PDB file of all heavy atoms in Angstrom:
ATOM      1  N   ALA A   1      16.480 -22.682   0.112  1.00  0.00           N
ATOM      2  CA  ALA A   1      16.715 -22.155   1.511  1.00  0.00           C
ATOM      3  C   ALA A   1      17.662 -23.115   2.382  1.00  0.00           C
ATOM      4  O   ALA A   1      17.223 -24.254   2.547  1.00  0.00           O
ATOM      5  CB  ALA A   1      15.463 -21.988   2.214  1.00  0.00           C
ATOM      6  N   GLY A   2      18.817 -22.593   2.745  1.00  0.00           N
ATOM      7  CA  GLY A   2      19.747 -23.433   3.476  1.00  0.00           C
ATOM      8  C   GLY A   2      20.204 -24.496   2.572  1.00  0.00           C
ATOM      9  O   GLY A   2      20.603 -25.633   3.067  1.00  0.00           O
ATOM     10  N   GLY A   3      20.249 -24.446   1.189  1.00  0.00           N
ATOM     11  CA  GLY A   3      20.714 -25.414   0.416  1.00  0.00           C
ATOM     12  C   GLY A   3      19.641 -26.470  -0.028  1.00  0.00           C
ATOM     13  O   GLY A   3      19.882 -27.243  -0.911  1.00  0.00           O
ATOM     14  N   ASP A   4      18.479 -26.438   0.426  1.00  0.00           N
ATOM     15  CA  ASP A   4      17.402 -27.308   0.101  1.00  0.00           C
ATOM     16  C   ASP A   4      16.279 -26.512  -0.672  1.00  0.00           C
ATOM     17  O   ASP A   4      16.116 -25.357  -0.399  1.00  0.00           O
ATOM     18  CB  ASP A   4      16.770 -27.916   1.316  1.00  0.00           C
ATOM     19  CG  ASP A   4      17.652 -28.910   2.057  1.00  0.00           C
ATOM     20  OD1 ASP A   4      18.513 -29.595   1.487  1.00  0.00           O
ATOM     21  OD2 ASP A   4      17.686 -28.751   3.373  1.00  0.00           O
ATOM     22  N   LEU A   5      15.559 -27.283  -1.525  1.00  0.00           N
ATOM     23  CA  LEU A   5      14.633 -26.673  -2.405  1.00  0.00           C
ATOM     24  C   LEU A   5      13.515 -26.107  -1.484  1.00  0.00           C
ATOM     25  O   LEU A   5      12.973 -26.731  -0.605  1.00  0.00           O
ATOM     26  CB  LEU A   5      13.891 -27.696  -3.256  1.00  0.00           C
ATOM     27  CG  LEU A   5      12.828 -27.201  -4.116  1.00  0.00           C
ATOM     28  CD1 LEU A   5      13.430 -26.381  -5.415  1.00  0.00           C
ATOM     29  CD2 LEU A   5      12.034 -28.329  -4.893  1.00  0.00           C
ATOM     30  N   ASP A   6      13.159 -24.793  -1.737  1.00  0.00           N
ATOM     31  CA  ASP A   6      12.135 -24.014  -0.968  1.00  0.00           C
ATOM     32  C   ASP A   6      10.753 -24.357  -1.600  1.00  0.00           C
ATOM     33  O   ASP A   6      10.612 -23.925  -2.723  1.00  0.00           O
ATOM     34  CB  ASP A   6      12.503 -22.582  -0.848  1.00  0.00           C
ATOM     35  CG  ASP A   6      11.480 -21.763   0.070  1.00  0.00           C
ATOM     36  OD1 ASP A   6      10.687 -22.344   0.656  1.00  0.00           O
ATOM     37  OD2 ASP A   6      11.619 -20.576  -0.054  1.00  0.00           O
ATOM     38  N   VAL A   7       9.961 -25.051  -0.928  1.00  0.00           N
ATOM     39  CA  VAL A   7       8.784 -25.334  -1.439  1.00  0.00           C
ATOM     40  C   VAL A   7       7.584 -24.647  -0.483  1.00  0.00           C
ATOM     41  O   VAL A   7       7.687 -25.007   0.747  1.00  0.00           O
ATOM     42  CB  VAL A   7       8.400 -26.843  -1.555  1.00  0.00           C
ATOM     43  CG1 VAL A   7       6.919 -27.212  -2.136  1.00  0.00           C
ATOM     44  CG2 VAL A   7       9.520 -27.525  -2.387  1.00  0.00           C
ATOM     45  N   SER A   8       6.738 -23.883  -1.042  1.00  0.00           N
ATOM     46  CA  SER A   8       5.686 -23.239  -0.256  1.00  0.00           C
ATOM     47  C   SER A   8       4.422 -23.986  -0.373  1.00  0.00           C
ATOM     48  O   SER A   8       4.124 -24.554  -1.601  1.00  0.00           O
ATOM     49  CB  SER A   8       5.501 -21.717  -0.639  1.00  0.00           C
ATOM     50  OG  SER A   8       6.775 -21.128  -0.402  1.00  0.00           O
ATOM     51  N   PHE A   9       3.629 -23.923   0.724  1.00  0.00           N
ATOM     52  CA  PHE A   9       2.271 -24.508   0.508  1.00  0.00           C
ATOM     53  C   PHE A   9       1.165 -23.394   0.674  1.00  0.00           C
ATOM     54  O   PHE A   9       1.298 -22.488   1.348  1.00  0.00           O
ATOM     55  CB  PHE A   9       2.026 -25.388   1.811  1.00  0.00           C
ATOM     56  CG  PHE A   9       0.507 -25.868   2.023  1.00  0.00           C
ATOM     57  CD1 PHE A   9       0.052 -27.066   1.231  1.00  0.00           C
ATOM     58  CD2 PHE A   9      -0.316 -25.244   2.863  1.00  0.00           C
ATOM     59  CE1 PHE A   9      -1.210 -27.343   1.350  1.00  0.00           C
ATOM     60  CE2 PHE A   9      -1.578 -25.759   2.897  1.00  0.00           C
ATOM     61  CZ  PHE A   9      -2.040 -26.780   2.243  1.00  0.00           C
ATOM     62  N   HIS A  10       0.165 -23.602  -0.234  1.00  0.00           N
ATOM     63  CA  HIS A  10      -0.847 -22.627  -0.171  1.00  0.00           C
ATOM     64  C   HIS A  10      -2.308 -23.295  -0.415  1.00  0.00           C
ATOM     65  O   HIS A  10      -2.278 -23.987  -1.467  1.00  0.00           O
ATOM     66  CB  HIS A  10      -0.782 -21.526  -1.226  1.00  0.00           C
ATOM     67  CG  HIS A  10      -1.689 -20.429  -1.180  1.00  0.00           C
ATOM     68  ND1 HIS A  10      -1.734 -19.521  -0.104  1.00  0.00           N
ATOM     69  CD2 HIS A  10      -2.757 -20.229  -1.940  1.00  0.00           C
ATOM     70  CE1 HIS A  10      -2.719 -18.696  -0.341  1.00  0.00           C
ATOM     71  NE2 HIS A  10      -3.455 -18.949  -1.354  1.00  0.00           N
ATOM     72  N   ARG A  11      -3.238 -23.000   0.351  1.00  0.00           N
ATOM     73  CA  ARG A  11      -4.533 -23.501   0.243  1.00  0.00           C
ATOM     74  C   ARG A  11      -5.380 -22.404  -0.426  1.00  0.00           C
ATOM     75  O   ARG A  11      -5.450 -21.207   0.159  1.00  0.00           O
ATOM     76  CB  ARG A  11      -5.246 -24.070   1.473  1.00  0.00           C
ATOM     77  CG  ARG A  11      -6.680 -24.570   1.226  1.00  0.00           C
ATOM     78  CD  ARG A  11      -7.230 -25.178   2.494  1.00  0.00           C
ATOM     79  NE  ARG A  11      -6.688 -26.423   2.852  1.00  0.00           N
ATOM     80  CZ  ARG A  11      -6.976 -27.556   2.389  1.00  0.00           C
ATOM     81  NH1 ARG A  11      -7.870 -27.717   1.419  1.00  0.00           N
ATOM     82  NH2 ARG A  11      -6.349 -28.724   2.770  1.00  0.00           N
ATOM     83  N   LEU A  12      -5.949 -22.637  -1.574  1.00  0.00           N
ATOM     84  CA  LEU A  12      -6.783 -21.549  -2.306  1.00  0.00           C
ATOM     85  C   LEU A  12      -8.078 -21.243  -1.625  1.00  0.00           C
ATOM     86  O   LEU A  12      -8.554 -22.101  -0.915  1.00  0.00           O
ATOM     87  CB  LEU A  12      -7.021 -21.966  -3.757  1.00  0.00           C
ATOM     88  CG  LEU A  12      -5.703 -22.299  -4.485  1.00  0.00           C
ATOM     89  CD1 LEU A  12      -5.911 -22.769  -5.986  1.00  0.00           C
ATOM     90  CD2 LEU A  12      -4.837 -20.976  -4.635  1.00  0.00           C
ATOM     91  N   ALA A  13      -8.676 -20.114  -1.902  1.00  0.00           N
ATOM     92  CA  ALA A  13      -9.927 -19.791  -1.317  1.00  0.00           C
ATOM     93  C   ALA A  13     -11.097 -20.545  -2.043  1.00  0.00           C
ATOM     94  O   ALA A  13     -12.284 -20.526  -1.578  1.00  0.00           O
ATOM     95  CB  ALA A  13     -10.029 -18.336  -1.275  1.00  0.00           C
ATOM     96  N   GLN A  14     -10.902 -20.803  -3.312  1.00  0.00           N
ATOM     97  CA  GLN A  14     -11.999 -21.457  -4.163  1.00  0.00           C
ATOM     98  C   GLN A  14     -11.942 -22.944  -4.155  1.00  0.00           C
ATOM     99  O   GLN A  14     -10.902 -23.476  -4.044  1.00  0.00           O
ATOM    100  CB  GLN A  14     -11.890 -20.845  -5.661  1.00  0.00           C
ATOM    101  CG  GLN A  14     -11.975 -19.356  -5.740  1.00  0.00           C
ATOM    102  CD  GLN A  14     -11.809 -18.865  -7.148  1.00  0.00           C
ATOM    103  OE1 GLN A  14     -12.725 -18.921  -7.925  1.00  0.00           O
ATOM    104  NE2 GLN A  14     -10.619 -18.294  -7.529  1.00  0.00           N
ATOM    105  N   THR A  15     -13.122 -23.527  -4.356  1.00  0.00           N
ATOM    106  CA  THR A  15     -13.267 -24.920  -4.297  1.00  0.00           C
ATOM    107  C   THR A  15     -12.738 -25.513  -5.625  1.00  0.00           C
ATOM    108  O   THR A  15     -12.588 -24.936  -6.771  1.00  0.00           O
ATOM    109  CB  THR A  15     -14.685 -25.332  -4.173  1.00  0.00           C
ATOM    110  OG1 THR A  15     -15.467 -25.049  -5.401  1.00  0.00           O
ATOM    111  CG2 THR A  15     -15.329 -24.694  -3.024  1.00  0.00           C
ATOM    112  N   ASP A  16     -12.540 -26.801  -5.636  1.00  0.00           N
ATOM    113  CA  ASP A  16     -12.008 -27.473  -6.758  1.00  0.00           C
ATOM    114  C   ASP A  16     -13.033 -27.363  -8.030  1.00  0.00           C
ATOM    115  O   ASP A  16     -12.626 -27.151  -8.988  1.00  0.00           O
ATOM    116  CB  ASP A  16     -11.840 -29.028  -6.405  1.00  0.00           C
ATOM    117  CG  ASP A  16     -11.414 -29.806  -7.597  1.00  0.00           C
ATOM    118  OD1 ASP A  16     -10.206 -29.739  -7.917  1.00  0.00           O
ATOM    119  OD2 ASP A  16     -12.072 -30.585  -8.286  1.00  0.00           O
ATOM    120  N   ALA A  17     -14.321 -27.399  -7.740  1.00  0.00           N
ATOM    121  CA  ALA A  17     -15.268 -27.423  -8.903  1.00  0.00           C
ATOM    122  C   ALA A  17     -15.381 -25.988  -9.416  1.00  0.00           C
ATOM    123  O   ALA A  17     -15.423 -25.914 -10.733  1.00  0.00           O
ATOM    124  CB  ALA A  17     -16.654 -27.690  -8.331  1.00  0.00           C
ATOM    125  N   VAL A  18     -15.218 -25.040  -8.601  1.00  0.00           N
ATOM    126  CA  VAL A  18     -15.290 -23.574  -9.152  1.00  0.00           C
ATOM    127  C   VAL A  18     -14.017 -23.284 -10.018  1.00  0.00           C
ATOM    128  O   VAL A  18     -14.159 -22.865 -11.038  1.00  0.00           O
ATOM    129  CB  VAL A  18     -15.286 -22.687  -7.996  1.00  0.00           C
ATOM    130  CG1 VAL A  18     -15.062 -21.194  -8.465  1.00  0.00           C
ATOM    131  CG2 VAL A  18     -16.774 -22.634  -7.284  1.00  0.00           C
ATOM    132  N   LEU A  19     -12.894 -23.875  -9.434  1.00  0.00           N
ATOM    133  CA  LEU A  19     -11.647 -23.665 -10.209  1.00  0.00           C
ATOM    134  C   LEU A  19     -11.598 -24.564 -11.518  1.00  0.00           C
ATOM    135  O   LEU A  19     -11.239 -24.014 -12.591  1.00  0.00           O
ATOM    136  CB  LEU A  19     -10.427 -24.082  -9.334  1.00  0.00           C
ATOM    137  CG  LEU A  19     -10.113 -23.028  -8.259  1.00  0.00           C
ATOM    138  CD1 LEU A  19      -9.173 -23.647  -7.276  1.00  0.00           C
ATOM    139  CD2 LEU A  19      -9.475 -21.788  -8.813  1.00  0.00           C
ATOM    140  N   ALA A  20     -12.059 -25.720 -11.458  1.00  0.00           N
ATOM    141  CA  ALA A  20     -12.184 -26.569 -12.600  1.00  0.00           C
ATOM    142  C   ALA A  20     -13.053 -25.908 -13.784  1.00  0.00           C
ATOM    143  O   ALA A  20     -12.796 -26.185 -14.922  1.00  0.00           O
ATOM    144  CB  ALA A  20     -12.694 -28.003 -12.348  1.00  0.00           C
ATOM    145  N   ALA A  21     -14.089 -25.226 -13.310  1.00  0.00           N
ATOM    146  CA  ALA A  21     -15.077 -24.592 -14.233  1.00  0.00           C
ATOM    147  C   ALA A  21     -14.277 -23.549 -15.132  1.00  0.00           C
ATOM    148  O   ALA A  21     -14.893 -23.166 -16.100  1.00  0.00           O
ATOM    149  CB  ALA A  21     -16.261 -24.071 -13.536  1.00  0.00           C
ATOM    150  N   ARG A  22     -13.159 -23.120 -14.649  1.00  0.00           N
ATOM    151  CA  ARG A  22     -12.448 -22.043 -15.414  1.00  0.00           C
ATOM    152  C   ARG A  22     -11.757 -22.595 -16.688  1.00  0.00           C
ATOM    153  O   ARG A  22     -11.363 -21.923 -17.561  1.00  0.00           O
ATOM    154  CB  ARG A  22     -11.233 -21.456 -14.563  1.00  0.00           C
ATOM    155  CG  ARG A  22     -11.872 -20.507 -13.313  1.00  0.00           C
ATOM    156  CD  ARG A  22     -12.561 -19.339 -13.762  1.00  0.00           C
ATOM    157  NE  ARG A  22     -11.669 -18.429 -14.541  1.00  0.00           N
ATOM    158  CZ  ARG A  22     -10.970 -17.529 -13.983  1.00  0.00           C
ATOM    159  NH1 ARG A  22     -10.894 -17.381 -12.771  1.00  0.00           N
ATOM    160  NH2 ARG A  22     -10.026 -16.735 -14.673  1.00  0.00           N
ATOM    161  N   GLY A  23     -11.817 -23.981 -16.711  1.00  0.00           N
ATOM    162  CA  GLY A  23     -11.338 -24.614 -17.950  1.00  0.00           C
ATOM    163  C   GLY A  23      -9.925 -24.212 -18.246  1.00  0.00           C
ATOM    164  O   GLY A  23      -8.949 -24.405 -17.430  1.00  0.00           O
ATOM    165  N   VAL A  24      -9.657 -23.763 -19.588  1.00  0.00           N
ATOM    166  CA  VAL A  24      -8.254 -23.530 -19.969  1.00  0.00           C
ATOM    167  C   VAL A  24      -7.702 -22.351 -19.198  1.00  0.00           C
ATOM    168  O   VAL A  24      -6.353 -21.939 -19.252  1.00  0.00           O
ATOM    169  CB  VAL A  24      -8.121 -23.289 -21.409  1.00  0.00           C
ATOM    170  CG1 VAL A  24      -8.524 -24.574 -22.201  1.00  0.00           C
ATOM    171  CG2 VAL A  24      -9.089 -22.237 -21.969  1.00  0.00           C
ATOM    172  N   PHE A  25      -8.482 -21.651 -18.353  1.00  0.00           N
ATOM    173  CA  PHE A  25      -8.157 -20.404 -17.825  1.00  0.00           C
ATOM    174  C   PHE A  25      -7.808 -20.838 -16.136  1.00  0.00           C
ATOM    175  O   PHE A  25      -7.781 -19.887 -15.445  1.00  0.00           O
ATOM    176  CB  PHE A  25      -9.144 -19.270 -17.915  1.00  0.00           C
ATOM    177  CG  PHE A  25      -9.163 -18.802 -19.348  1.00  0.00           C
ATOM    178  CD1 PHE A  25     -10.317 -19.174 -20.083  1.00  0.00           C
ATOM    179  CD2 PHE A  25      -8.154 -18.027 -19.862  1.00  0.00           C
ATOM    180  CE1 PHE A  25     -10.433 -18.796 -21.352  1.00  0.00           C
ATOM    181  CE2 PHE A  25      -8.275 -17.578 -21.126  1.00  0.00           C
ATOM    182  CZ  PHE A  25      -9.459 -17.946 -21.990  1.00  0.00           C
ATOM    183  N   LEU A  26      -7.783 -21.945 -15.928  1.00  0.00           N
ATOM    184  CA  LEU A  26      -7.404 -22.484 -14.539  1.00  0.00           C
ATOM    185  C   LEU A  26      -6.168 -22.001 -14.021  1.00  0.00           C
ATOM    186  O   LEU A  26      -6.055 -21.394 -12.907  1.00  0.00           O
ATOM    187  CB  LEU A  26      -7.369 -23.962 -14.425  1.00  0.00           C
ATOM    188  CG  LEU A  26      -7.014 -24.586 -13.164  1.00  0.00           C
ATOM    189  CD1 LEU A  26      -7.826 -24.081 -11.971  1.00  0.00           C
ATOM    190  CD2 LEU A  26      -7.088 -26.046 -13.280  1.00  0.00           C
ATOM    191  N   ARG A  27      -5.104 -21.899 -14.893  1.00  0.00           N
ATOM    192  CA  ARG A  27      -3.779 -21.264 -14.453  1.00  0.00           C
ATOM    193  C   ARG A  27      -3.947 -19.961 -14.037  1.00  0.00           C
ATOM    194  O   ARG A  27      -3.353 -19.535 -13.118  1.00  0.00           O
ATOM    195  CB  ARG A  27      -2.838 -21.459 -15.721  1.00  0.00           C
ATOM    196  CG  ARG A  27      -1.396 -21.092 -15.217  1.00  0.00           C
ATOM    197  CD  ARG A  27      -0.531 -20.593 -16.518  1.00  0.00           C
ATOM    198  NE  ARG A  27      -1.093 -19.299 -16.987  1.00  0.00           N
ATOM    199  CZ  ARG A  27      -0.784 -18.148 -16.379  1.00  0.00           C
ATOM    200  NH1 ARG A  27       0.065 -18.042 -15.426  1.00  0.00           N
ATOM    201  NH2 ARG A  27      -1.230 -17.091 -16.868  1.00  0.00           N
ATOM    202  N   GLU A  28      -4.790 -19.150 -14.887  1.00  0.00           N
ATOM    203  CA  GLU A  28      -4.919 -17.682 -14.492  1.00  0.00           C
ATOM    204  C   GLU A  28      -5.637 -17.564 -13.110  1.00  0.00           C
ATOM    205  O   GLU A  28      -5.244 -16.661 -12.349  1.00  0.00           O
ATOM    206  CB  GLU A  28      -5.677 -17.056 -15.490  1.00  0.00           C
ATOM    207  CG  GLU A  28      -4.869 -16.671 -16.813  1.00  0.00           C
ATOM    208  CD  GLU A  28      -4.717 -17.883 -17.734  1.00  0.00           C
ATOM    209  OE1 GLU A  28      -5.152 -18.998 -17.357  1.00  0.00           O
ATOM    210  OE2 GLU A  28      -3.955 -17.720 -18.643  1.00  0.00           O
ATOM    211  N   ALA A  29      -6.597 -18.473 -12.823  1.00  0.00           N
ATOM    212  CA  ALA A  29      -7.284 -18.328 -11.477  1.00  0.00           C
ATOM    213  C   ALA A  29      -6.385 -18.623 -10.398  1.00  0.00           C
ATOM    214  O   ALA A  29      -6.355 -18.007  -9.338  1.00  0.00           O
ATOM    215  CB  ALA A  29      -8.469 -19.299 -11.464  1.00  0.00           C
ATOM    216  N   ILE A  30      -5.416 -19.645 -10.596  1.00  0.00           N
ATOM    217  CA  ILE A  30      -4.445 -19.986  -9.629  1.00  0.00           C
ATOM    218  C   ILE A  30      -3.478 -18.836  -9.351  1.00  0.00           C
ATOM    219  O   ILE A  30      -3.092 -18.515  -8.227  1.00  0.00           O
ATOM    220  CB  ILE A  30      -3.709 -21.318  -9.984  1.00  0.00           C
ATOM    221  CG1 ILE A  30      -4.705 -22.479  -9.916  1.00  0.00           C
ATOM    222  CG2 ILE A  30      -2.574 -21.587  -8.972  1.00  0.00           C
ATOM    223  CD1 ILE A  30      -4.141 -23.726 -10.523  1.00  0.00           C
ATOM    224  N   GLU A  31      -3.005 -18.271 -10.515  1.00  0.00           N
ATOM    225  CA  GLU A  31      -1.994 -17.128 -10.349  1.00  0.00           C
ATOM    226  C   GLU A  31      -2.709 -16.028  -9.668  1.00  0.00           C
ATOM    227  O   GLU A  31      -1.944 -15.334  -8.794  1.00  0.00           O
ATOM    228  CB  GLU A  31      -1.643 -16.788 -11.705  1.00  0.00           C
ATOM    229  CG  GLU A  31      -0.732 -15.511 -11.629  1.00  0.00           C
ATOM    230  CD  GLU A  31       0.142 -15.422 -12.776  1.00  0.00           C
ATOM    231  OE1 GLU A  31       0.422 -16.423 -13.547  1.00  0.00           O
ATOM    232  OE2 GLU A  31       0.686 -14.145 -13.084  1.00  0.00           O
ATOM    233  N   GLN A  32      -3.922 -15.622  -9.812  1.00  0.00           N
ATOM    234  CA  GLN A  32      -4.555 -14.584  -9.205  1.00  0.00           C
ATOM    235  C   GLN A  32      -4.529 -14.685  -7.680  1.00  0.00           C
ATOM    236  O   GLN A  32      -4.202 -13.749  -7.004  1.00  0.00           O
ATOM    237  CB  GLN A  32      -6.034 -14.385  -9.709  1.00  0.00           C
ATOM    238  CG  GLN A  32      -6.671 -13.223  -9.216  1.00  0.00           C
ATOM    239  CD  GLN A  32      -8.051 -13.099  -9.752  1.00  0.00           C
ATOM    240  OE1 GLN A  32      -8.574 -14.008 -10.378  1.00  0.00           O
ATOM    241  NE2 GLN A  32      -8.590 -11.933  -9.581  1.00  0.00           N
ATOM    242  N   GLU A  33      -4.853 -15.884  -7.214  1.00  0.00           N
ATOM    243  CA  GLU A  33      -4.756 -16.216  -5.875  1.00  0.00           C
ATOM    244  C   GLU A  33      -3.566 -16.252  -5.246  1.00  0.00           C
ATOM    245  O   GLU A  33      -3.242 -15.687  -4.114  1.00  0.00           O
ATOM    246  CB  GLU A  33      -5.609 -17.507  -5.425  1.00  0.00           C
ATOM    247  CG  GLU A  33      -7.106 -17.398  -5.626  1.00  0.00           C
ATOM    248  CD  GLU A  33      -7.789 -18.354  -4.655  1.00  0.00           C
ATOM    249  OE1 GLU A  33      -7.423 -18.593  -3.628  1.00  0.00           O
ATOM    250  OE2 GLU A  33      -8.878 -18.915  -5.241  1.00  0.00           O
ATOM    251  N   LEU A  34      -2.544 -16.814  -5.886  1.00  0.00           N
ATOM    252  CA  LEU A  34      -1.126 -16.849  -5.497  1.00  0.00           C
ATOM    253  C   LEU A  34      -0.538 -15.440  -5.383  1.00  0.00           C
ATOM    254  O   LEU A  34       0.141 -15.107  -4.399  1.00  0.00           O
ATOM    255  CB  LEU A  34      -0.271 -17.683  -6.318  1.00  0.00           C
ATOM    256  CG  LEU A  34      -0.566 -19.122  -6.284  1.00  0.00           C
ATOM    257  CD1 LEU A  34       0.359 -19.914  -7.325  1.00  0.00           C
ATOM    258  CD2 LEU A  34      -0.251 -19.768  -4.841  1.00  0.00           C
ATOM    259  N   ARG A  35      -0.824 -14.664  -6.343  1.00  0.00           N
ATOM    260  CA  ARG A  35      -0.417 -13.265  -6.204  1.00  0.00           C
ATOM    261  C   ARG A  35      -0.900 -12.447  -5.027  1.00  0.00           C
ATOM    262  O   ARG A  35      -0.167 -11.695  -4.362  1.00  0.00           O
ATOM    263  CB  ARG A  35      -0.680 -12.526  -7.556  1.00  0.00           C
ATOM    264  CG  ARG A  35      -0.179 -11.080  -7.762  1.00  0.00           C
ATOM    265  CD  ARG A  35      -0.380 -10.532  -9.142  1.00  0.00           C
ATOM    266  NE  ARG A  35       0.307 -11.453 -10.148  1.00  0.00           N
ATOM    267  CZ  ARG A  35       1.586 -11.189 -10.269  1.00  0.00           C
ATOM    268  NH1 ARG A  35       2.352 -10.346  -9.744  1.00  0.00           N
ATOM    269  NH2 ARG A  35       2.202 -12.056 -11.290  1.00  0.00           N
ATOM    270  N   ALA A  36      -2.192 -12.638  -4.843  1.00  0.00           N
ATOM    271  CA  ALA A  36      -2.861 -11.954  -3.639  1.00  0.00           C
ATOM    272  C   ALA A  36      -2.206 -12.520  -2.329  1.00  0.00           C
ATOM    273  O   ALA A  36      -2.151 -11.719  -1.316  1.00  0.00           O
ATOM    274  CB  ALA A  36      -4.272 -12.303  -3.702  1.00  0.00           C
ATOM    275  N   ALA A  37      -1.689 -13.702  -2.388  1.00  0.00           N
ATOM    276  CA  ALA A  37      -1.060 -14.323  -1.029  1.00  0.00           C
ATOM    277  C   ALA A  37       0.335 -13.989  -1.007  1.00  0.00           C
ATOM    278  O   ALA A  37       0.980 -14.483   0.023  1.00  0.00           O
ATOM    279  CB  ALA A  37      -1.338 -15.886  -1.122  1.00  0.00           C
ATOM    280  N   GLY A  38       0.968 -13.153  -1.965  1.00  0.00           N
ATOM    281  CA  GLY A  38       2.292 -12.731  -1.755  1.00  0.00           C
ATOM    282  C   GLY A  38       3.301 -13.406  -2.658  1.00  0.00           C
ATOM    283  O   GLY A  38       4.477 -13.230  -2.547  1.00  0.00           O
ATOM    284  N   PHE A  39       2.854 -14.336  -3.482  1.00  0.00           N
ATOM    285  CA  PHE A  39       3.679 -14.942  -4.511  1.00  0.00           C
ATOM    286  C   PHE A  39       3.481 -14.249  -5.813  1.00  0.00           C
ATOM    287  O   PHE A  39       2.917 -14.774  -6.863  1.00  0.00           O
ATOM    288  CB  PHE A  39       3.196 -16.589  -4.517  1.00  0.00           C
ATOM    289  CG  PHE A  39       3.421 -17.270  -3.193  1.00  0.00           C
ATOM    290  CD1 PHE A  39       2.224 -17.494  -2.494  1.00  0.00           C
ATOM    291  CD2 PHE A  39       4.590 -17.656  -2.705  1.00  0.00           C
ATOM    292  CE1 PHE A  39       2.250 -18.274  -1.247  1.00  0.00           C
ATOM    293  CE2 PHE A  39       4.710 -18.270  -1.545  1.00  0.00           C
ATOM    294  CZ  PHE A  39       3.551 -18.603  -0.917  1.00  0.00           C
ATOM    295  N   GLY A  40       4.263 -13.185  -5.868  1.00  0.00           N
ATOM    296  CA  GLY A  40       4.181 -12.508  -7.153  1.00  0.00           C
ATOM    297  C   GLY A  40       5.342 -11.613  -7.561  1.00  0.00           C
ATOM    298  O   GLY A  40       5.294 -10.699  -8.243  1.00  0.00           O
ATOM    299  N   ARG A  41       6.453 -12.064  -7.035  1.00  0.00           N
ATOM    300  CA  ARG A  41       7.666 -11.398  -7.405  1.00  0.00           C
ATOM    301  C   ARG A  41       7.983 -11.451  -8.896  1.00  0.00           C
ATOM    302  O   ARG A  41       7.911 -12.571  -9.532  1.00  0.00           O
ATOM    303  CB  ARG A  41       8.929 -11.931  -6.642  1.00  0.00           C
ATOM    304  CG  ARG A  41       8.944 -11.455  -5.186  1.00  0.00           C
ATOM    305  CD  ARG A  41      10.115 -11.907  -4.474  1.00  0.00           C
ATOM    306  NE  ARG A  41      11.471 -11.899  -5.125  1.00  0.00           N
ATOM    307  CZ  ARG A  41      12.552 -12.324  -4.550  1.00  0.00           C
ATOM    308  NH1 ARG A  41      12.561 -12.742  -3.389  1.00  0.00           N
ATOM    309  NH2 ARG A  41      13.620 -12.294  -5.286  1.00  0.00           N
ATOM    310  N   SER A  42       8.235 -10.380  -9.549  1.00  0.00           N
ATOM    311  CA  SER A  42       8.535 -10.332 -11.066  1.00  0.00           C
ATOM    312  C   SER A  42       9.745 -11.129 -11.376  1.00  0.00           C
ATOM    313  O   SER A  42       9.947 -11.397 -12.560  1.00  0.00           O
ATOM    314  CB  SER A  42       8.480  -8.856 -11.451  1.00  0.00           C
ATOM    315  OG  SER A  42       9.545  -8.097 -10.833  1.00  0.00           O
ATOM    316  N   ASP A  43      10.702 -11.369 -10.525  1.00  0.00           N
ATOM    317  CA  ASP A  43      11.924 -11.963 -10.823  1.00  0.00           C
ATOM    318  C   ASP A  43      11.814 -13.492 -10.467  1.00  0.00           C
ATOM    319  O   ASP A  43      12.967 -14.124 -10.665  1.00  0.00           O
ATOM    320  CB  ASP A  43      13.087 -11.404 -10.128  1.00  0.00           C
ATOM    321  CG  ASP A  43      13.038 -11.534  -8.578  1.00  0.00           C
ATOM    322  OD1 ASP A  43      11.901 -11.711  -8.108  1.00  0.00           O
ATOM    323  OD2 ASP A  43      14.134 -11.309  -7.887  1.00  0.00           O
ATOM    324  N   LYS A  44      10.645 -13.962 -10.291  1.00  0.00           N
ATOM    325  CA  LYS A  44      10.507 -15.444 -10.140  1.00  0.00           C
ATOM    326  C   LYS A  44       9.435 -16.086 -10.945  1.00  0.00           C
ATOM    327  O   LYS A  44       8.563 -15.320 -11.282  1.00  0.00           O
ATOM    328  CB  LYS A  44      10.104 -15.678  -8.478  1.00  0.00           C
ATOM    329  CG  LYS A  44      11.246 -15.353  -7.607  1.00  0.00           C
ATOM    330  CD  LYS A  44      10.915 -15.976  -6.190  1.00  0.00           C
ATOM    331  CE  LYS A  44      12.116 -15.731  -5.300  1.00  0.00           C
ATOM    332  NZ  LYS A  44      11.992 -16.392  -3.916  1.00  0.00           N
ATOM    333  N   VAL A  45       9.780 -17.305 -11.362  1.00  0.00           N
ATOM    334  CA  VAL A  45       8.808 -18.159 -11.923  1.00  0.00           C
ATOM    335  C   VAL A  45       8.261 -18.983 -10.925  1.00  0.00           C
ATOM    336  O   VAL A  45       9.005 -19.681 -10.207  1.00  0.00           O
ATOM    337  CB  VAL A  45       9.291 -18.853 -13.123  1.00  0.00           C
ATOM    338  CG1 VAL A  45       8.338 -19.907 -13.637  1.00  0.00           C
ATOM    339  CG2 VAL A  45       9.679 -17.884 -14.373  1.00  0.00           C
ATOM    340  N   TYR A  46       6.897 -19.195 -10.646  1.00  0.00           N
ATOM    341  CA  TYR A  46       6.332 -19.996  -9.818  1.00  0.00           C
ATOM    342  C   TYR A  46       5.874 -21.286 -10.330  1.00  0.00           C
ATOM    343  O   TYR A  46       4.913 -21.250 -11.103  1.00  0.00           O
ATOM    344  CB  TYR A  46       5.110 -19.165  -9.003  1.00  0.00           C
ATOM    345  CG  TYR A  46       5.695 -17.975  -8.319  1.00  0.00           C
ATOM    346  CD1 TYR A  46       5.752 -16.800  -8.765  1.00  0.00           C
ATOM    347  CD2 TYR A  46       6.086 -18.199  -6.933  1.00  0.00           C
ATOM    348  CE1 TYR A  46       6.221 -15.875  -8.148  1.00  0.00           C
ATOM    349  CE2 TYR A  46       6.611 -17.116  -6.209  1.00  0.00           C
ATOM    350  CZ  TYR A  46       6.581 -15.813  -6.837  1.00  0.00           C
ATOM    351  OH  TYR A  46       7.247 -14.728  -6.006  1.00  0.00           O
ATOM    352  N   ALA A  47       6.559 -22.342  -9.895  1.00  0.00           N
ATOM    353  CA  ALA A  47       6.121 -23.673 -10.288  1.00  0.00           C
ATOM    354  C   ALA A  47       5.132 -24.388  -9.464  1.00  0.00           C
ATOM    355  O   ALA A  47       5.510 -24.714  -8.348  1.00  0.00           O
ATOM    356  CB  ALA A  47       7.373 -24.638 -10.505  1.00  0.00           C
ATOM    357  N   ALA A  48       3.900 -24.290  -9.816  1.00  0.00           N
ATOM    358  CA  ALA A  48       2.772 -24.684  -8.954  1.00  0.00           C
ATOM    359  C   ALA A  48       2.321 -26.137  -9.151  1.00  0.00           C
ATOM    360  O   ALA A  48       1.763 -26.382 -10.209  1.00  0.00           O
ATOM    361  CB  ALA A  48       1.596 -23.760  -8.957  1.00  0.00           C
TER     362      ALA A  48
END
């Protein structure tokens, strides 16, 4: 944005412990919340 890297901030609704309990499916839990927050364009890869 304006020549500089566009970095967005997002605080998730779930706690660290709840998310960590997802184990190897932590990424999916993060993606679900990010998508609900509007970070879900099909032409973008989101580096979280």
